[in-house]
Amino acid sequence: MFDLNYRILNSHLTQPSAVFWKNYVPQSARNSLSNLEEPVSMVNVLLVANPYKAMQYFSRFFKHIFRNMQFN
C-alpha cells in the first residue's frame, strides 16, 4: 500500500496538483476556498442552538469574502 501511495499516486496525482495549486492559483482564490468551512460551522452551531456563535461564524465568513475581493 505504501508503494502504491508513494510511487504512483504521489508522483502522478498529488504532487502535480499541489505544485499547480501553489504556482498557478492566485492567493486570493486560495483564501476564499479555505473560507468555505465557515457556513458549515455556522449551520452546525445553529443546530445545537447557539445563535451567538452562529452569528460569529456568519460575520467572519462575510468579512473574509469582502476582504478577499479585489476591486479594479
N, C-alpha and C. Protein backbone atom coordinates (compact mmCIF):
# COMPACT_ATOMS: atom_id res chain seq x y z
N MET A 1 0.83 -1.19 0.00
CA MET A 1 0.00 0.00 0.00
C MET A 1 0.86 1.25 0.00
N PHE A 2 1.94 1.23 0.79
CA PHE A 2 2.84 2.37 0.83
C PHE A 2 3.44 2.63 -0.55
N ASP A 3 3.86 1.55 -1.23
CA ASP A 3 4.44 1.71 -2.56
C ASP A 3 3.44 2.32 -3.53
N LEU A 4 2.20 1.88 -3.46
CA LEU A 4 1.17 2.44 -4.33
C LEU A 4 1.00 3.93 -4.06
N ASN A 5 0.89 4.30 -2.80
CA ASN A 5 0.71 5.70 -2.46
C ASN A 5 1.93 6.54 -2.81
N TYR A 6 3.10 6.09 -2.45
CA TYR A 6 4.30 6.90 -2.62
C TYR A 6 4.79 6.96 -4.07
N ARG A 7 4.86 5.82 -4.70
CA ARG A 7 5.45 5.79 -6.05
C ARG A 7 4.46 6.18 -7.15
N ILE A 8 3.22 5.80 -7.02
CA ILE A 8 2.27 6.02 -8.11
C ILE A 8 1.40 7.25 -7.84
N LEU A 9 0.66 7.23 -6.76
CA LEU A 9 -0.28 8.33 -6.51
C LEU A 9 0.43 9.65 -6.24
N ASN A 10 1.49 9.61 -5.45
CA ASN A 10 2.19 10.84 -5.13
C ASN A 10 2.85 11.44 -6.36
N SER A 11 3.53 10.64 -7.14
CA SER A 11 4.26 11.20 -8.28
C SER A 11 3.35 11.58 -9.45
N HIS A 12 2.19 10.94 -9.57
CA HIS A 12 1.34 11.21 -10.73
C HIS A 12 0.10 12.03 -10.41
N LEU A 13 -0.28 12.16 -9.15
CA LEU A 13 -1.53 12.85 -8.85
C LEU A 13 -1.35 13.95 -7.81
N THR A 14 -0.93 13.60 -6.63
CA THR A 14 -0.92 14.60 -5.56
C THR A 14 0.19 15.63 -5.72
N GLN A 15 1.37 15.23 -6.09
CA GLN A 15 2.45 16.21 -6.23
C GLN A 15 2.19 17.19 -7.37
N PRO A 16 1.78 16.75 -8.58
CA PRO A 16 1.48 17.74 -9.62
C PRO A 16 0.33 18.67 -9.26
N SER A 17 -0.70 18.15 -8.59
CA SER A 17 -1.80 19.03 -8.22
C SER A 17 -1.38 20.02 -7.14
N ALA A 18 -0.52 19.62 -6.22
CA ALA A 18 -0.01 20.55 -5.20
C ALA A 18 0.87 21.63 -5.82
N VAL A 19 1.68 21.26 -6.79
CA VAL A 19 2.53 22.25 -7.47
C VAL A 19 1.67 23.22 -8.27
N PHE A 20 0.65 22.70 -8.95
CA PHE A 20 -0.26 23.57 -9.69
C PHE A 20 -0.97 24.52 -8.74
N TRP A 21 -1.46 24.01 -7.62
CA TRP A 21 -2.17 24.84 -6.63
C TRP A 21 -1.28 25.97 -6.14
N LYS A 22 -0.04 25.66 -5.84
CA LYS A 22 0.88 26.66 -5.29
C LYS A 22 1.33 27.67 -6.34
N ASN A 23 1.59 27.22 -7.55
CA ASN A 23 2.19 28.10 -8.56
C ASN A 23 1.19 28.85 -9.43
N TYR A 24 -0.01 28.33 -9.61
CA TYR A 24 -0.92 28.92 -10.59
C TYR A 24 -2.24 29.46 -10.03
N VAL A 25 -2.65 29.01 -8.86
CA VAL A 25 -3.89 29.51 -8.27
C VAL A 25 -3.56 30.77 -7.46
N PRO A 26 -4.21 31.89 -7.73
CA PRO A 26 -3.90 33.13 -7.00
C PRO A 26 -4.18 33.00 -5.51
N GLN A 27 -3.43 33.76 -4.72
CA GLN A 27 -3.57 33.70 -3.26
C GLN A 27 -4.99 34.06 -2.82
N SER A 28 -5.61 35.01 -3.48
CA SER A 28 -6.97 35.40 -3.09
C SER A 28 -7.96 34.25 -3.29
N ALA A 29 -7.79 33.48 -4.34
CA ALA A 29 -8.67 32.33 -4.57
C ALA A 29 -8.42 31.25 -3.53
N ARG A 30 -7.17 31.04 -3.16
CA ARG A 30 -6.87 30.04 -2.13
C ARG A 30 -7.46 30.44 -0.80
N ASN A 31 -7.42 31.73 -0.47
CA ASN A 31 -8.01 32.20 0.79
C ASN A 31 -9.52 32.04 0.76
N SER A 32 -10.14 32.33 -0.38
CA SER A 32 -11.60 32.21 -0.48
C SER A 32 -12.05 30.77 -0.35
N LEU A 33 -11.30 29.86 -0.93
CA LEU A 33 -11.69 28.46 -0.83
C LEU A 33 -11.53 27.92 0.58
N SER A 34 -10.54 28.41 1.31
CA SER A 34 -10.39 27.95 2.68
C SER A 34 -11.47 28.50 3.58
N ASN A 35 -12.16 29.54 3.11
CA ASN A 35 -13.22 30.17 3.89
C ASN A 35 -14.55 29.40 3.79
N LEU A 36 -14.63 28.40 2.95
CA LEU A 36 -15.89 27.69 2.74
C LEU A 36 -16.32 26.83 3.92
N GLU A 37 -15.46 26.62 4.90
CA GLU A 37 -15.86 25.83 6.05
C GLU A 37 -16.69 26.64 7.05
N GLU A 38 -16.68 27.96 6.94
CA GLU A 38 -17.43 28.79 7.88
C GLU A 38 -18.94 28.57 7.82
N PRO A 39 -19.58 28.51 6.64
CA PRO A 39 -21.03 28.27 6.63
C PRO A 39 -21.41 26.91 7.22
N VAL A 40 -20.58 25.91 7.02
CA VAL A 40 -20.86 24.59 7.59
C VAL A 40 -20.81 24.67 9.11
N SER A 41 -19.82 25.37 9.63
CA SER A 41 -19.73 25.53 11.08
C SER A 41 -20.90 26.33 11.62
N MET A 42 -21.32 27.33 10.86
CA MET A 42 -22.46 28.14 11.28
C MET A 42 -23.73 27.28 11.40
N VAL A 43 -23.99 26.44 10.42
CA VAL A 43 -25.16 25.56 10.47
C VAL A 43 -25.04 24.60 11.65
N ASN A 44 -23.85 24.10 11.89
CA ASN A 44 -23.65 23.17 13.00
C ASN A 44 -23.99 23.82 14.33
N VAL A 45 -23.51 25.03 14.58
CA VAL A 45 -23.80 25.67 15.87
C VAL A 45 -25.25 26.12 15.94
N LEU A 46 -25.89 26.38 14.81
CA LEU A 46 -27.33 26.66 14.84
C LEU A 46 -28.12 25.42 15.26
N LEU A 47 -27.68 24.26 14.80
CA LEU A 47 -28.37 23.02 15.14
C LEU A 47 -28.24 22.68 16.63
N VAL A 48 -27.17 23.13 17.26
CA VAL A 48 -27.02 22.89 18.69
C VAL A 48 -27.51 24.09 19.50
N ALA A 49 -28.25 24.97 18.85
CA ALA A 49 -28.93 26.11 19.48
C ALA A 49 -27.96 27.08 20.16
N ASN A 50 -26.97 27.53 19.38
CA ASN A 50 -26.04 28.53 19.88
C ASN A 50 -26.01 29.70 18.88
N PRO A 51 -27.02 30.58 18.93
CA PRO A 51 -27.12 31.63 17.91
C PRO A 51 -26.00 32.66 17.98
N TYR A 52 -25.46 32.93 19.15
CA TYR A 52 -24.37 33.90 19.26
C TYR A 52 -23.13 33.41 18.50
N LYS A 53 -22.77 32.15 18.69
CA LYS A 53 -21.63 31.58 17.98
C LYS A 53 -21.91 31.50 16.48
N ALA A 54 -23.14 31.22 16.09
CA ALA A 54 -23.50 31.17 14.67
C ALA A 54 -23.33 32.53 14.03
N MET A 55 -23.69 33.59 14.75
CA MET A 55 -23.52 34.94 14.21
C MET A 55 -22.05 35.29 14.06
N GLN A 56 -21.20 34.77 14.93
CA GLN A 56 -19.76 35.00 14.79
C GLN A 56 -19.24 34.36 13.52
N TYR A 57 -19.66 33.12 13.24
CA TYR A 57 -19.26 32.44 12.01
C TYR A 57 -19.78 33.18 10.78
N PHE A 58 -21.03 33.63 10.85
CA PHE A 58 -21.65 34.35 9.74
C PHE A 58 -20.87 35.64 9.44
N SER A 59 -20.58 36.42 10.46
CA SER A 59 -19.87 37.68 10.24
C SER A 59 -18.44 37.45 9.77
N ARG A 60 -17.77 36.42 10.28
CA ARG A 60 -16.41 36.12 9.85
C ARG A 60 -16.39 35.69 8.38
N PHE A 61 -17.38 34.91 7.98
CA PHE A 61 -17.48 34.46 6.59
C PHE A 61 -17.59 35.65 5.63
N PHE A 62 -18.51 36.58 5.92
CA PHE A 62 -18.70 37.72 5.03
C PHE A 62 -17.55 38.71 5.11
N LYS A 63 -16.93 38.83 6.26
CA LYS A 63 -15.76 39.69 6.38
C LYS A 63 -14.63 39.19 5.49
N HIS A 64 -14.42 37.88 5.49
CA HIS A 64 -13.36 37.31 4.67
C HIS A 64 -13.68 37.40 3.19
N ILE A 65 -14.94 37.25 2.83
CA ILE A 65 -15.32 37.38 1.43
C ILE A 65 -15.03 38.78 0.92
N PHE A 66 -15.46 39.79 1.66
CA PHE A 66 -15.25 41.17 1.20
C PHE A 66 -13.79 41.59 1.28
N ARG A 67 -13.06 41.04 2.20
CA ARG A 67 -11.64 41.37 2.29
C ARG A 67 -10.87 40.78 1.11
N ASN A 68 -11.27 39.60 0.64
CA ASN A 68 -10.56 38.95 -0.45
C ASN A 68 -10.98 39.43 -1.83
N MET A 69 -12.05 40.21 -1.90
CA MET A 69 -12.48 40.75 -3.20
C MET A 69 -11.51 41.83 -3.63
N GLN A 70 -11.21 41.82 -4.91
CA GLN A 70 -10.31 42.84 -5.45
C GLN A 70 -11.11 43.69 -6.42
N PHE A 71 -11.21 44.97 -6.12
CA PHE A 71 -11.94 45.88 -6.98
C PHE A 71 -10.94 46.58 -7.89
N ASN A 72 -11.14 46.42 -9.18
CA ASN A 72 -10.22 47.04 -10.15
C ASN A 72 -10.81 48.29 -10.74
